[in-house]
Amino acid sequence: MIDLTSALRQPDIDTALQDTLLALAACSLDIGRRMRTASIAGVQGSAGQGNVQGEEQQQMDVIANELLKQALMAVPAVKAVASEEEDHAVPAHEDGSLIVAFDPLDGSSNIAINGPVGTIFSILPAPEGPVSDAAFLQPGTTQLAAGYAVYGPATQLVLTLGDGVQVYTLDPDSGRFLLTTERVHIPATTREFAINMSNQRHWAEPMQRYVADLLAGREGPRKKDFNMRWVAAMVADVHRILNRGGLFSYPWDGRNPNQAGKLRLLYEANPMAMLVEQSGGAAWTDCQRILELQPETLHQRVPVILGAAGEVARCVDYHRARPGG
């Protein structure tokens, strides 16, 4: 069975990209180990502080963030890193050719219930000149690689370098990531969706109408029954879609009307959009392909609709049909 190191150490893959991805893989292995013993080590719970977005940090958020920063900044190819937990970009090597954006621990509120969480990352070409936040303000189409590690019953690394999506599973005996899915494919149609229904009353009318039609089942306009799933960790919900199809959405929420969405464009939406598109799916906001968005700020948020291409298109059509849409 092919392992990650052998798969990456190929002459057609840039050495800088190889080294960066292997550093991310090694760090995810370390984070996964620490996750398994978080309650024993007494690091399961709030860190007693907030991040740059004003959200409460978990202790493992802080630990994972530091581990990733240290691992990536030790790679000569990395010019800078940006994290959901950092105010600004952090410089590394002046002559590096790559920059890396990451969400160190997506879904960290699930730690207390032993639910799945993960690490999401995006690798971009480093622009010339001094490092600043502006270096990361590139559309998702410029990503050289994207992926995530999911820490569940097994630790898995899901990865794309722009030619399909591969899944590697950690063999705990050898400590190697072994290739277990060579090419992921998301069916264009689905009967399953993932969304936080507790927020339904706050959504825009098109999203409320779309989900109401799904819930109406075979008696409604869709003429078929749908199942709903929600893990409360984007990495876990997207992982399910990559494995068996479906649709995931975190839409605009009227409780904060001036905020476009909840999920971060650079750390969550762009890498997941690349993975989903490389698997044959689609990834949009309520009006635009996510990978074509021009980022404006380091911690910009966007609404997200991704998964089965046909179902994403139908959901976007509901938004286009609204008055003035």
C-alpha atoms as a PDB file:
ATOM      1  CA  MET A   1       0.000   0.000   0.000  1.00  0.00           C
ATOM      2  CA  ILE A   2       1.384   3.437  -0.996  1.00  0.00           C
ATOM      3  CA  ASP A   3       2.271   5.784   1.844  1.00  0.00           C
ATOM      4  CA  LEU A   4       2.107   9.589   1.765  1.00  0.00           C
ATOM      5  CA  THR A   5       5.867  10.107   1.664  1.00  0.00           C
ATOM      6  CA  SER A   6       6.266   7.850  -1.383  1.00  0.00           C
ATOM      7  CA  ALA A   7       3.292   9.498  -3.110  1.00  0.00           C
ATOM      8  CA  LEU A   8       4.718  12.987  -2.611  1.00  0.00           C
ATOM      9  CA  ARG A   9       8.370  12.259  -3.354  1.00  0.00           C
ATOM     10  CA  GLN A  10       7.779  12.294  -7.101  1.00  0.00           C
ATOM     11  CA  PRO A  11       9.856  14.269  -9.641  1.00  0.00           C
ATOM     12  CA  ASP A  12       6.784  16.125 -10.940  1.00  0.00           C
ATOM     13  CA  ILE A  13       5.938  17.523  -7.488  1.00  0.00           C
ATOM     14  CA  ASP A  14       7.876  20.605  -6.426  1.00  0.00           C
ATOM     15  CA  THR A  15      10.268  19.877  -3.553  1.00  0.00           C
ATOM     16  CA  ALA A  16       9.044  22.906  -1.607  1.00  0.00           C
ATOM     17  CA  LEU A  17       5.483  21.606  -1.798  1.00  0.00           C
ATOM     18  CA  GLN A  18       6.609  18.109  -0.794  1.00  0.00           C
ATOM     19  CA  ASP A  19       8.408  19.372   2.299  1.00  0.00           C
ATOM     20  CA  THR A  20       5.502  21.594   3.357  1.00  0.00           C
ATOM     21  CA  LEU A  21       2.903  18.860   2.983  1.00  0.00           C
ATOM     22  CA  LEU A  22       5.030  16.333   4.868  1.00  0.00           C
ATOM     23  CA  ALA A  23       5.481  18.847   7.691  1.00  0.00           C
ATOM     24  CA  LEU A  24       1.693  19.305   7.839  1.00  0.00           C
ATOM     25  CA  ALA A  25       1.194  15.538   7.880  1.00  0.00           C
ATOM     26  CA  ALA A  26       3.701  15.040  10.696  1.00  0.00           C
ATOM     27  CA  CYS A  27       2.120  17.836  12.699  1.00  0.00           C
ATOM     28  CA  SER A  28      -1.386  16.423  12.229  1.00  0.00           C
ATOM     29  CA  LEU A  29      -0.100  13.097  13.541  1.00  0.00           C
ATOM     30  CA  ASP A  30       1.153  14.931  16.651  1.00  0.00           C
ATOM     31  CA  ILE A  31      -2.122  16.835  17.081  1.00  0.00           C
ATOM     32  CA  GLY A  32      -4.073  13.605  16.736  1.00  0.00           C
ATOM     33  CA  ARG A  33      -2.008  11.990  19.497  1.00  0.00           C
ATOM     34  CA  ARG A  34      -2.593  14.957  21.785  1.00  0.00           C
ATOM     35  CA  MET A  35      -6.315  14.911  21.041  1.00  0.00           C
ATOM     36  CA  ARG A  36      -6.535  11.325  22.263  1.00  0.00           C
ATOM     37  CA  THR A  37      -5.051  12.265  25.637  1.00  0.00           C
ATOM     38  CA  ALA A  38      -6.445  15.796  26.025  1.00  0.00           C
ATOM     39  CA  SER A  39      -8.689  14.947  28.968  1.00  0.00           C
ATOM     40  CA  ILE A  40      -5.912  12.982  30.710  1.00  0.00           C
ATOM     41  CA  ALA A  41      -3.450  15.845  30.226  1.00  0.00           C
ATOM     42  CA  GLY A  42      -5.984  18.360  31.531  1.00  0.00           C
ATOM     43  CA  VAL A  43      -6.148  20.408  28.306  1.00  0.00           C
ATOM     44  CA  GLN A  44      -9.758  19.656  27.461  1.00  0.00           C
ATOM     45  CA  GLY A  45     -11.743  22.860  27.875  1.00  0.00           C
ATOM     46  CA  SER A  46     -11.663  26.615  27.448  1.00  0.00           C
ATOM     47  CA  ALA A  47      -8.374  28.492  27.296  1.00  0.00           C
ATOM     48  CA  GLY A  48     -10.067  31.433  29.036  1.00  0.00           C
ATOM     49  CA  GLN A  49      -9.384  33.825  26.172  1.00  0.00           C
ATOM     50  CA  GLY A  50     -10.735  34.775  22.764  1.00  0.00           C
ATOM     51  CA  ASN A  51      -9.193  34.765  19.298  1.00  0.00           C
ATOM     52  CA  VAL A  52      -9.032  37.670  16.851  1.00  0.00           C
ATOM     53  CA  GLN A  53     -12.678  37.090  15.928  1.00  0.00           C
ATOM     54  CA  GLY A  54     -13.762  37.350  19.563  1.00  0.00           C
ATOM     55  CA  GLU A  55     -14.605  33.644  19.802  1.00  0.00           C
ATOM     56  CA  GLU A  56     -13.754  31.616  22.875  1.00  0.00           C
ATOM     57  CA  GLN A  57     -10.640  29.513  22.339  1.00  0.00           C
ATOM     58  CA  GLN A  58     -10.294  25.966  23.574  1.00  0.00           C
ATOM     59  CA  GLN A  59      -6.973  24.917  25.094  1.00  0.00           C
ATOM     60  CA  MET A  60      -6.395  22.544  22.195  1.00  0.00           C
ATOM     61  CA  ASP A  61      -6.999  25.430  19.737  1.00  0.00           C
ATOM     62  CA  VAL A  62      -4.000  27.197  21.235  1.00  0.00           C
ATOM     63  CA  ILE A  63      -1.853  24.058  21.371  1.00  0.00           C
ATOM     64  CA  ALA A  64      -2.642  23.016  17.782  1.00  0.00           C
ATOM     65  CA  ASN A  65      -1.976  26.536  16.542  1.00  0.00           C
ATOM     66  CA  GLU A  66       1.472  26.627  18.148  1.00  0.00           C
ATOM     67  CA  LEU A  67       2.369  23.152  16.881  1.00  0.00           C
ATOM     68  CA  LEU A  68       1.455  24.079  13.313  1.00  0.00           C
ATOM     69  CA  LYS A  69       3.304  27.387  13.452  1.00  0.00           C
ATOM     70  CA  GLN A  70       6.449  25.701  14.740  1.00  0.00           C
ATOM     71  CA  ALA A  71       6.268  22.864  12.198  1.00  0.00           C
ATOM     72  CA  LEU A  72       5.682  25.124   9.198  1.00  0.00           C
ATOM     73  CA  MET A  73       8.166  27.813  10.190  1.00  0.00           C
ATOM     74  CA  ALA A  74      10.855  25.125  10.351  1.00  0.00           C
ATOM     75  CA  VAL A  75      10.356  24.449   6.618  1.00  0.00           C
ATOM     76  CA  PRO A  76      12.705  26.671   4.544  1.00  0.00           C
ATOM     77  CA  ALA A  77      10.148  26.830   1.705  1.00  0.00           C
ATOM     78  CA  VAL A  78       7.548  28.570   3.892  1.00  0.00           C
ATOM     79  CA  LYS A  79       7.697  32.356   3.677  1.00  0.00           C
ATOM     80  CA  ALA A  80       4.789  33.049   6.045  1.00  0.00           C
ATOM     81  CA  VAL A  81       1.792  31.484   7.753  1.00  0.00           C
ATOM     82  CA  ALA A  82      -1.670  32.797   8.585  1.00  0.00           C
ATOM     83  CA  SER A  83      -3.970  31.207  11.124  1.00  0.00           C
ATOM     84  CA  GLU A  84      -7.557  31.663  12.182  1.00  0.00           C
ATOM     85  CA  GLU A  85      -6.135  32.139  15.690  1.00  0.00           C
ATOM     86  CA  GLU A  86      -3.615  34.873  14.769  1.00  0.00           C
ATOM     87  CA  ASP A  87      -4.306  38.584  14.312  1.00  0.00           C
ATOM     88  CA  HIS A  88      -1.923  38.920  11.353  1.00  0.00           C
ATOM     89  CA  ALA A  89       0.323  36.907   9.050  1.00  0.00           C
ATOM     90  CA  VAL A  90       3.427  35.517  10.738  1.00  0.00           C
ATOM     91  CA  PRO A  91       6.685  35.728   8.723  1.00  0.00           C
ATOM     92  CA  ALA A  92       8.983  32.715   8.461  1.00  0.00           C
ATOM     93  CA  HIS A  93      11.713  32.535   5.776  1.00  0.00           C
ATOM     94  CA  GLU A  94      12.305  35.608   3.627  1.00  0.00           C
ATOM     95  CA  ASP A  95      13.284  33.578   0.554  1.00  0.00           C
ATOM     96  CA  GLY A  96      10.482  31.014   0.900  1.00  0.00           C
ATOM     97  CA  SER A  97       8.297  30.247  -2.121  1.00  0.00           C
ATOM     98  CA  LEU A  98       5.089  29.226  -0.315  1.00  0.00           C
ATOM     99  CA  ILE A  99       2.641  30.645   2.205  1.00  0.00           C
ATOM    100  CA  VAL A 100       0.238  28.539   4.266  1.00  0.00           C
ATOM    101  CA  ALA A 101      -3.141  29.447   5.755  1.00  0.00           C
ATOM    102  CA  PHE A 102      -4.753  27.112   8.274  1.00  0.00           C
ATOM    103  CA  ASP A 103      -7.521  26.524  10.768  1.00  0.00           C
ATOM    104  CA  PRO A 104      -5.617  24.621  13.469  1.00  0.00           C
ATOM    105  CA  LEU A 105      -8.598  22.866  15.047  1.00  0.00           C
ATOM    106  CA  ASP A 106     -11.949  23.132  13.307  1.00  0.00           C
ATOM    107  CA  GLY A 107     -14.913  22.102  15.461  1.00  0.00           C
ATOM    108  CA  SER A 108     -12.985  22.319  18.725  1.00  0.00           C
ATOM    109  CA  SER A 109     -16.235  22.580  20.719  1.00  0.00           C
ATOM    110  CA  ASN A 110     -16.678  18.874  19.897  1.00  0.00           C
ATOM    111  CA  ILE A 111     -13.642  17.937  21.992  1.00  0.00           C
ATOM    112  CA  ALA A 112     -15.673  17.823  25.207  1.00  0.00           C
ATOM    113  CA  ILE A 113     -17.997  15.168  23.749  1.00  0.00           C
ATOM    114  CA  ASN A 114     -15.222  13.198  22.009  1.00  0.00           C
ATOM    115  CA  GLY A 115     -16.617  14.234  18.631  1.00  0.00           C
ATOM    116  CA  PRO A 116     -14.613  14.520  15.398  1.00  0.00           C
ATOM    117  CA  VAL A 117     -12.528  17.659  14.813  1.00  0.00           C
ATOM    118  CA  GLY A 118      -9.883  18.513  12.265  1.00  0.00           C
ATOM    119  CA  THR A 119      -7.125  20.703  10.844  1.00  0.00           C
ATOM    120  CA  ILE A 120      -7.725  22.515   7.528  1.00  0.00           C
ATOM    121  CA  PHE A 121      -4.940  23.999   5.389  1.00  0.00           C
ATOM    122  CA  SER A 122      -4.377  25.898   2.153  1.00  0.00           C
ATOM    123  CA  ILE A 123      -1.023  26.323   0.380  1.00  0.00           C
ATOM    124  CA  LEU A 124      -0.485  29.323  -1.894  1.00  0.00           C
ATOM    125  CA  PRO A 125       2.434  30.716  -3.912  1.00  0.00           C
ATOM    126  CA  ALA A 126       4.333  33.392  -2.020  1.00  0.00           C
ATOM    127  CA  PRO A 127       4.391  36.778  -3.760  1.00  0.00           C
ATOM    128  CA  GLU A 128       7.619  38.718  -3.989  1.00  0.00           C
ATOM    129  CA  GLY A 129       8.500  41.350  -1.443  1.00  0.00           C
ATOM    130  CA  PRO A 130       8.033  41.656   2.312  1.00  0.00           C
ATOM    131  CA  VAL A 131       5.428  39.529   4.051  1.00  0.00           C
ATOM    132  CA  SER A 132       2.152  41.178   4.988  1.00  0.00           C
ATOM    133  CA  ASP A 133      -1.490  40.188   5.350  1.00  0.00           C
ATOM    134  CA  ALA A 134      -1.939  41.227   1.713  1.00  0.00           C
ATOM    135  CA  ALA A 135       0.209  38.280   0.583  1.00  0.00           C
ATOM    136  CA  PHE A 136      -2.656  35.964   1.533  1.00  0.00           C
ATOM    137  CA  LEU A 137      -5.369  37.896  -0.286  1.00  0.00           C
ATOM    138  CA  GLN A 138      -5.376  35.614  -3.313  1.00  0.00           C
ATOM    139  CA  PRO A 139      -8.443  33.982  -4.881  1.00  0.00           C
ATOM    140  CA  GLY A 140      -8.814  30.278  -4.184  1.00  0.00           C
ATOM    141  CA  THR A 141      -7.988  29.436  -7.797  1.00  0.00           C
ATOM    142  CA  THR A 142      -4.318  30.177  -7.010  1.00  0.00           C
ATOM    143  CA  GLN A 143      -4.076  27.429  -4.365  1.00  0.00           C
ATOM    144  CA  LEU A 144      -1.324  24.929  -5.082  1.00  0.00           C
ATOM    145  CA  ALA A 145      -2.685  22.369  -2.617  1.00  0.00           C
ATOM    146  CA  ALA A 146      -5.371  22.079   0.018  1.00  0.00           C
ATOM    147  CA  GLY A 147      -6.453  19.502   2.526  1.00  0.00           C
ATOM    148  CA  TYR A 148      -7.424  18.599   6.024  1.00  0.00           C
ATOM    149  CA  ALA A 149      -6.748  16.070   8.741  1.00  0.00           C
ATOM    150  CA  VAL A 150      -9.775  14.659  10.535  1.00  0.00           C
ATOM    151  CA  TYR A 151      -9.315  13.218  14.018  1.00  0.00           C
ATOM    152  CA  GLY A 152     -12.028  10.624  14.544  1.00  0.00           C
ATOM    153  CA  PRO A 153     -12.062   6.846  15.062  1.00  0.00           C
ATOM    154  CA  ALA A 154      -9.164   6.963  12.600  1.00  0.00           C
ATOM    155  CA  THR A 155      -6.902   9.884  11.739  1.00  0.00           C
ATOM    156  CA  GLN A 156      -7.205  10.584   8.029  1.00  0.00           C
ATOM    157  CA  LEU A 157      -5.472  13.094   5.773  1.00  0.00           C
ATOM    158  CA  VAL A 158      -7.459  14.286   2.746  1.00  0.00           C
ATOM    159  CA  LEU A 159      -5.382  16.037   0.107  1.00  0.00           C
ATOM    160  CA  THR A 160      -5.466  17.600  -3.349  1.00  0.00           C
ATOM    161  CA  LEU A 161      -2.631  19.015  -5.429  1.00  0.00           C
ATOM    162  CA  GLY A 162      -5.041  20.025  -8.179  1.00  0.00           C
ATOM    163  CA  ASP A 163      -5.443  16.599  -9.802  1.00  0.00           C
ATOM    164  CA  GLY A 164      -8.168  14.799  -7.870  1.00  0.00           C
ATOM    165  CA  VAL A 165      -8.480  14.091  -4.151  1.00  0.00           C
ATOM    166  CA  GLN A 166      -6.745  11.315  -2.229  1.00  0.00           C
ATOM    167  CA  VAL A 167      -7.452   9.996   1.261  1.00  0.00           C
ATOM    168  CA  TYR A 168      -4.641   8.701   3.476  1.00  0.00           C
ATOM    169  CA  THR A 169      -5.338   6.842   6.714  1.00  0.00           C
ATOM    170  CA  LEU A 170      -2.902   6.758   9.609  1.00  0.00           C
ATOM    171  CA  ASP A 171      -1.587   3.310  10.475  1.00  0.00           C
ATOM    172  CA  PRO A 172      -1.037   3.697  14.251  1.00  0.00           C
ATOM    173  CA  ASP A 173       1.431   0.803  14.329  1.00  0.00           C
ATOM    174  CA  SER A 174       3.839   2.215  11.759  1.00  0.00           C
ATOM    175  CA  GLY A 175       2.987   5.925  12.124  1.00  0.00           C
ATOM    176  CA  ARG A 176       2.585   6.177   8.338  1.00  0.00           C
ATOM    177  CA  PHE A 177      -0.282   7.671   6.335  1.00  0.00           C
ATOM    178  CA  LEU A 178      -1.373   4.998   3.839  1.00  0.00           C
ATOM    179  CA  LEU A 179      -3.387   5.645   0.673  1.00  0.00           C
ATOM    180  CA  THR A 180      -6.901   4.261   1.211  1.00  0.00           C
ATOM    181  CA  THR A 181      -8.899   6.159  -1.452  1.00  0.00           C
ATOM    182  CA  GLU A 182      -7.115   6.984  -4.686  1.00  0.00           C
ATOM    183  CA  ARG A 183      -9.733   9.282  -6.237  1.00  0.00           C
ATOM    184  CA  VAL A 184     -12.735  10.720  -4.398  1.00  0.00           C
ATOM    185  CA  HIS A 185     -15.969  11.286  -6.347  1.00  0.00           C
ATOM    186  CA  ILE A 186     -19.051  13.190  -5.179  1.00  0.00           C
ATOM    187  CA  PRO A 187     -22.269  12.164  -7.001  1.00  0.00           C
ATOM    188  CA  ALA A 188     -24.078  15.099  -8.631  1.00  0.00           C
ATOM    189  CA  THR A 189     -27.384  14.316  -6.915  1.00  0.00           C
ATOM    190  CA  THR A 190     -28.180  13.537  -3.303  1.00  0.00           C
ATOM    191  CA  ARG A 191     -30.887  12.912  -0.703  1.00  0.00           C
ATOM    192  CA  GLU A 192     -28.814  14.184   2.224  1.00  0.00           C
ATOM    193  CA  PHE A 193     -27.989  17.661   3.504  1.00  0.00           C
ATOM    194  CA  ALA A 194     -26.118  19.181   6.441  1.00  0.00           C
ATOM    195  CA  ILE A 195     -27.148  22.487   7.994  1.00  0.00           C
ATOM    196  CA  ASN A 196     -27.706  23.920  11.484  1.00  0.00           C
ATOM    197  CA  MET A 197     -31.513  23.916  11.598  1.00  0.00           C
ATOM    198  CA  SER A 198     -31.590  25.835  14.894  1.00  0.00           C
ATOM    199  CA  ASN A 199     -30.724  28.966  12.877  1.00  0.00           C
ATOM    200  CA  GLN A 200     -33.485  28.529  10.298  1.00  0.00           C
ATOM    201  CA  ARG A 201     -35.511  31.550  11.425  1.00  0.00           C
ATOM    202  CA  HIS A 202     -32.482  33.801  10.887  1.00  0.00           C
ATOM    203  CA  TRP A 203     -31.695  32.783   7.292  1.00  0.00           C
ATOM    204  CA  ALA A 204     -32.538  34.779   4.190  1.00  0.00           C
ATOM    205  CA  GLU A 205     -35.883  33.879   2.639  1.00  0.00           C
ATOM    206  CA  PRO A 206     -34.398  31.890  -0.313  1.00  0.00           C
ATOM    207  CA  MET A 207     -32.506  29.564   2.032  1.00  0.00           C
ATOM    208  CA  GLN A 208     -35.547  29.129   4.258  1.00  0.00           C
ATOM    209  CA  ARG A 209     -37.642  28.241   1.217  1.00  0.00           C
ATOM    210  CA  TYR A 210     -35.022  25.848  -0.160  1.00  0.00           C
ATOM    211  CA  VAL A 211     -34.693  23.898   3.097  1.00  0.00           C
ATOM    212  CA  ALA A 212     -38.486  23.903   3.615  1.00  0.00           C
ATOM    213  CA  ASP A 213     -38.829  22.206   0.214  1.00  0.00           C
ATOM    214  CA  LEU A 214     -36.263  19.576   1.250  1.00  0.00           C
ATOM    215  CA  LEU A 215     -38.125  18.916   4.497  1.00  0.00           C
ATOM    216  CA  ALA A 216     -41.432  18.575   2.661  1.00  0.00           C
ATOM    217  CA  GLY A 217     -40.057  15.344   1.198  1.00  0.00           C
ATOM    218  CA  ARG A 218     -41.916  13.334  -1.386  1.00  0.00           C
ATOM    219  CA  GLU A 219     -45.116  15.265  -0.700  1.00  0.00           C
ATOM    220  CA  GLY A 220     -43.353  18.557  -1.552  1.00  0.00           C
ATOM    221  CA  PRO A 221     -42.011  20.045  -4.787  1.00  0.00           C
ATOM    222  CA  ARG A 222     -38.839  17.894  -4.709  1.00  0.00           C
ATOM    223  CA  LYS A 223     -40.873  14.665  -4.767  1.00  0.00           C
ATOM    224  CA  LYS A 224     -38.346  12.757  -2.666  1.00  0.00           C
ATOM    225  CA  ASP A 225     -37.378  12.402   0.989  1.00  0.00           C
ATOM    226  CA  PHE A 226     -34.167  13.939   2.341  1.00  0.00           C
ATOM    227  CA  ASN A 227     -32.118  13.067   5.414  1.00  0.00           C
ATOM    228  CA  MET A 228     -30.362  15.733   7.496  1.00  0.00           C
ATOM    229  CA  ARG A 229     -26.985  15.365   9.222  1.00  0.00           C
ATOM    230  CA  TRP A 230     -25.051  17.883  11.346  1.00  0.00           C
ATOM    231  CA  VAL A 231     -21.786  17.256  13.218  1.00  0.00           C
ATOM    232  CA  ALA A 232     -21.062  20.927  14.111  1.00  0.00           C
ATOM    233  CA  ALA A 233     -17.553  20.704  12.647  1.00  0.00           C
ATOM    234  CA  MET A 234     -17.126  21.690   9.005  1.00  0.00           C
ATOM    235  CA  VAL A 235     -14.262  19.249   8.541  1.00  0.00           C
ATOM    236  CA  ALA A 236     -16.447  16.327   9.678  1.00  0.00           C
ATOM    237  CA  ASP A 237     -19.498  17.360   7.655  1.00  0.00           C
ATOM    238  CA  VAL A 238     -17.418  17.839   4.496  1.00  0.00           C
ATOM    239  CA  HIS A 239     -15.614  14.552   5.147  1.00  0.00           C
ATOM    240  CA  ARG A 240     -18.971  12.777   5.104  1.00  0.00           C
ATOM    241  CA  ILE A 241     -19.836  14.422   1.778  1.00  0.00           C
ATOM    242  CA  LEU A 242     -16.519  13.359   0.228  1.00  0.00           C
ATOM    243  CA  ASN A 243     -17.205   9.806   1.380  1.00  0.00           C
ATOM    244  CA  ARG A 244     -20.879   9.404   0.465  1.00  0.00           C
ATOM    245  CA  GLY A 245     -22.158  12.599  -1.139  1.00  0.00           C
ATOM    246  CA  GLY A 246     -24.559  15.267   0.071  1.00  0.00           C
ATOM    247  CA  LEU A 247     -24.798  19.011   0.511  1.00  0.00           C
ATOM    248  CA  PHE A 248     -23.347  21.219   3.266  1.00  0.00           C
ATOM    249  CA  SER A 249     -24.311  24.819   3.905  1.00  0.00           C
ATOM    250  CA  TYR A 250     -23.553  27.513   6.437  1.00  0.00           C
ATOM    251  CA  PRO A 251     -25.600  30.431   5.086  1.00  0.00           C
ATOM    252  CA  TRP A 252     -25.900  34.129   5.868  1.00  0.00           C
ATOM    253  CA  ASP A 253     -27.497  34.757   9.255  1.00  0.00           C
ATOM    254  CA  GLY A 254     -29.690  37.784   9.995  1.00  0.00           C
ATOM    255  CA  ARG A 255     -28.501  38.060  13.602  1.00  0.00           C
ATOM    256  CA  ASN A 256     -25.418  39.820  12.244  1.00  0.00           C
ATOM    257  CA  PRO A 257     -26.631  41.243   8.919  1.00  0.00           C
ATOM    258  CA  ASN A 258     -23.389  43.077   8.123  1.00  0.00           C
ATOM    259  CA  GLN A 259     -21.386  39.836   8.347  1.00  0.00           C
ATOM    260  CA  ALA A 260     -21.539  37.902   5.087  1.00  0.00           C
ATOM    261  CA  GLY A 261     -21.333  34.474   6.742  1.00  0.00           C
ATOM    262  CA  LYS A 262     -19.720  32.506   9.549  1.00  0.00           C
ATOM    263  CA  LEU A 263     -17.003  30.494   7.807  1.00  0.00           C
ATOM    264  CA  ARG A 264     -13.641  32.039   6.931  1.00  0.00           C
ATOM    265  CA  LEU A 265     -12.780  32.327   3.267  1.00  0.00           C
ATOM    266  CA  LEU A 266      -9.026  31.713   3.562  1.00  0.00           C
ATOM    267  CA  TYR A 267      -8.931  29.023   6.252  1.00  0.00           C
ATOM    268  CA  GLU A 268     -12.128  27.053   5.601  1.00  0.00           C
ATOM    269  CA  ALA A 269     -14.109  27.944   2.477  1.00  0.00           C
ATOM    270  CA  ASN A 270     -11.263  28.073  -0.068  1.00  0.00           C
ATOM    271  CA  PRO A 271      -9.462  24.824   0.870  1.00  0.00           C
ATOM    272  CA  MET A 272     -12.747  22.928   1.206  1.00  0.00           C
ATOM    273  CA  ALA A 273     -13.995  24.372  -2.091  1.00  0.00           C
ATOM    274  CA  MET A 274     -10.851  23.149  -3.852  1.00  0.00           C
ATOM    275  CA  LEU A 275     -11.268  19.656  -2.391  1.00  0.00           C
ATOM    276  CA  VAL A 276     -14.960  19.496  -3.307  1.00  0.00           C
ATOM    277  CA  GLU A 277     -14.429  20.742  -6.864  1.00  0.00           C
ATOM    278  CA  GLN A 278     -11.543  18.324  -7.357  1.00  0.00           C
ATOM    279  CA  SER A 279     -13.988  15.561  -6.328  1.00  0.00           C
ATOM    280  CA  GLY A 280     -16.543  16.563  -8.962  1.00  0.00           C
ATOM    281  CA  GLY A 281     -18.696  18.708  -6.681  1.00  0.00           C
ATOM    282  CA  ALA A 282     -19.381  22.439  -6.537  1.00  0.00           C
ATOM    283  CA  ALA A 283     -18.750  25.155  -3.946  1.00  0.00           C
ATOM    284  CA  TRP A 284     -20.561  28.498  -3.990  1.00  0.00           C
ATOM    285  CA  THR A 285     -21.680  31.358  -1.824  1.00  0.00           C
ATOM    286  CA  ASP A 286     -25.329  32.256  -2.423  1.00  0.00           C
ATOM    287  CA  CYS A 287     -24.344  33.942  -5.705  1.00  0.00           C
ATOM    288  CA  GLN A 288     -20.752  33.174  -6.738  1.00  0.00           C
ATOM    289  CA  ARG A 289     -18.215  30.371  -7.082  1.00  0.00           C
ATOM    290  CA  ILE A 290     -16.133  30.471  -3.902  1.00  0.00           C
ATOM    291  CA  LEU A 291     -12.763  29.923  -5.587  1.00  0.00           C
ATOM    292  CA  GLU A 292     -13.269  33.032  -7.728  1.00  0.00           C
ATOM    293  CA  LEU A 293     -13.808  35.387  -4.783  1.00  0.00           C
ATOM    294  CA  GLN A 294     -11.158  38.068  -4.319  1.00  0.00           C
ATOM    295  CA  PRO A 295     -10.347  38.146  -0.577  1.00  0.00           C
ATOM    296  CA  GLU A 296     -10.466  41.585   1.000  1.00  0.00           C
ATOM    297  CA  THR A 297      -9.260  40.844   4.532  1.00  0.00           C
ATOM    298  CA  LEU A 298      -7.310  38.082   6.268  1.00  0.00           C
ATOM    299  CA  HIS A 299     -10.275  36.902   8.346  1.00  0.00           C
ATOM    300  CA  GLN A 300     -13.066  37.524   5.823  1.00  0.00           C
ATOM    301  CA  ARG A 301     -16.198  35.405   6.226  1.00  0.00           C
ATOM    302  CA  VAL A 302     -18.514  34.103   3.501  1.00  0.00           C
ATOM    303  CA  PRO A 303     -21.703  32.055   3.197  1.00  0.00           C
ATOM    304  CA  VAL A 304     -20.996  28.516   1.995  1.00  0.00           C
ATOM    305  CA  ILE A 305     -22.985  26.024  -0.094  1.00  0.00           C
ATOM    306  CA  LEU A 306     -20.963  23.002  -1.238  1.00  0.00           C
ATOM    307  CA  GLY A 307     -21.223  19.352  -2.189  1.00  0.00           C
ATOM    308  CA  ALA A 308     -23.225  17.574  -4.898  1.00  0.00           C
ATOM    309  CA  ALA A 309     -22.972  19.769  -8.009  1.00  0.00           C
ATOM    310  CA  GLY A 310     -26.615  19.420  -9.030  1.00  0.00           C
ATOM    311  CA  GLU A 311     -27.917  20.182  -5.549  1.00  0.00           C
ATOM    312  CA  VAL A 312     -25.605  23.180  -5.094  1.00  0.00           C
ATOM    313  CA  ALA A 313     -26.858  24.602  -8.407  1.00  0.00           C
ATOM    314  CA  ARG A 314     -30.466  24.149  -7.312  1.00  0.00           C
ATOM    315  CA  CYS A 315     -29.849  25.902  -3.987  1.00  0.00           C
ATOM    316  CA  VAL A 316     -28.114  28.819  -5.731  1.00  0.00           C
ATOM    317  CA  ASP A 317     -31.065  29.046  -8.137  1.00  0.00           C
ATOM    318  CA  TYR A 318     -33.369  29.700  -5.172  1.00  0.00           C
ATOM    319  CA  HIS A 319     -31.220  32.725  -4.289  1.00  0.00           C
ATOM    320  CA  ARG A 320     -31.117  33.976  -7.879  1.00  0.00           C
ATOM    321  CA  ALA A 321     -34.916  33.831  -8.017  1.00  0.00           C
ATOM    322  CA  ARG A 322     -35.408  36.248  -5.104  1.00  0.00           C
ATOM    323  CA  PRO A 323     -36.538  39.792  -5.902  1.00  0.00           C
ATOM    324  CA  GLY A 324     -33.511  41.727  -7.087  1.00  0.00           C
ATOM    325  CA  GLY A 325     -31.443  38.504  -7.082  1.00  0.00           C
END
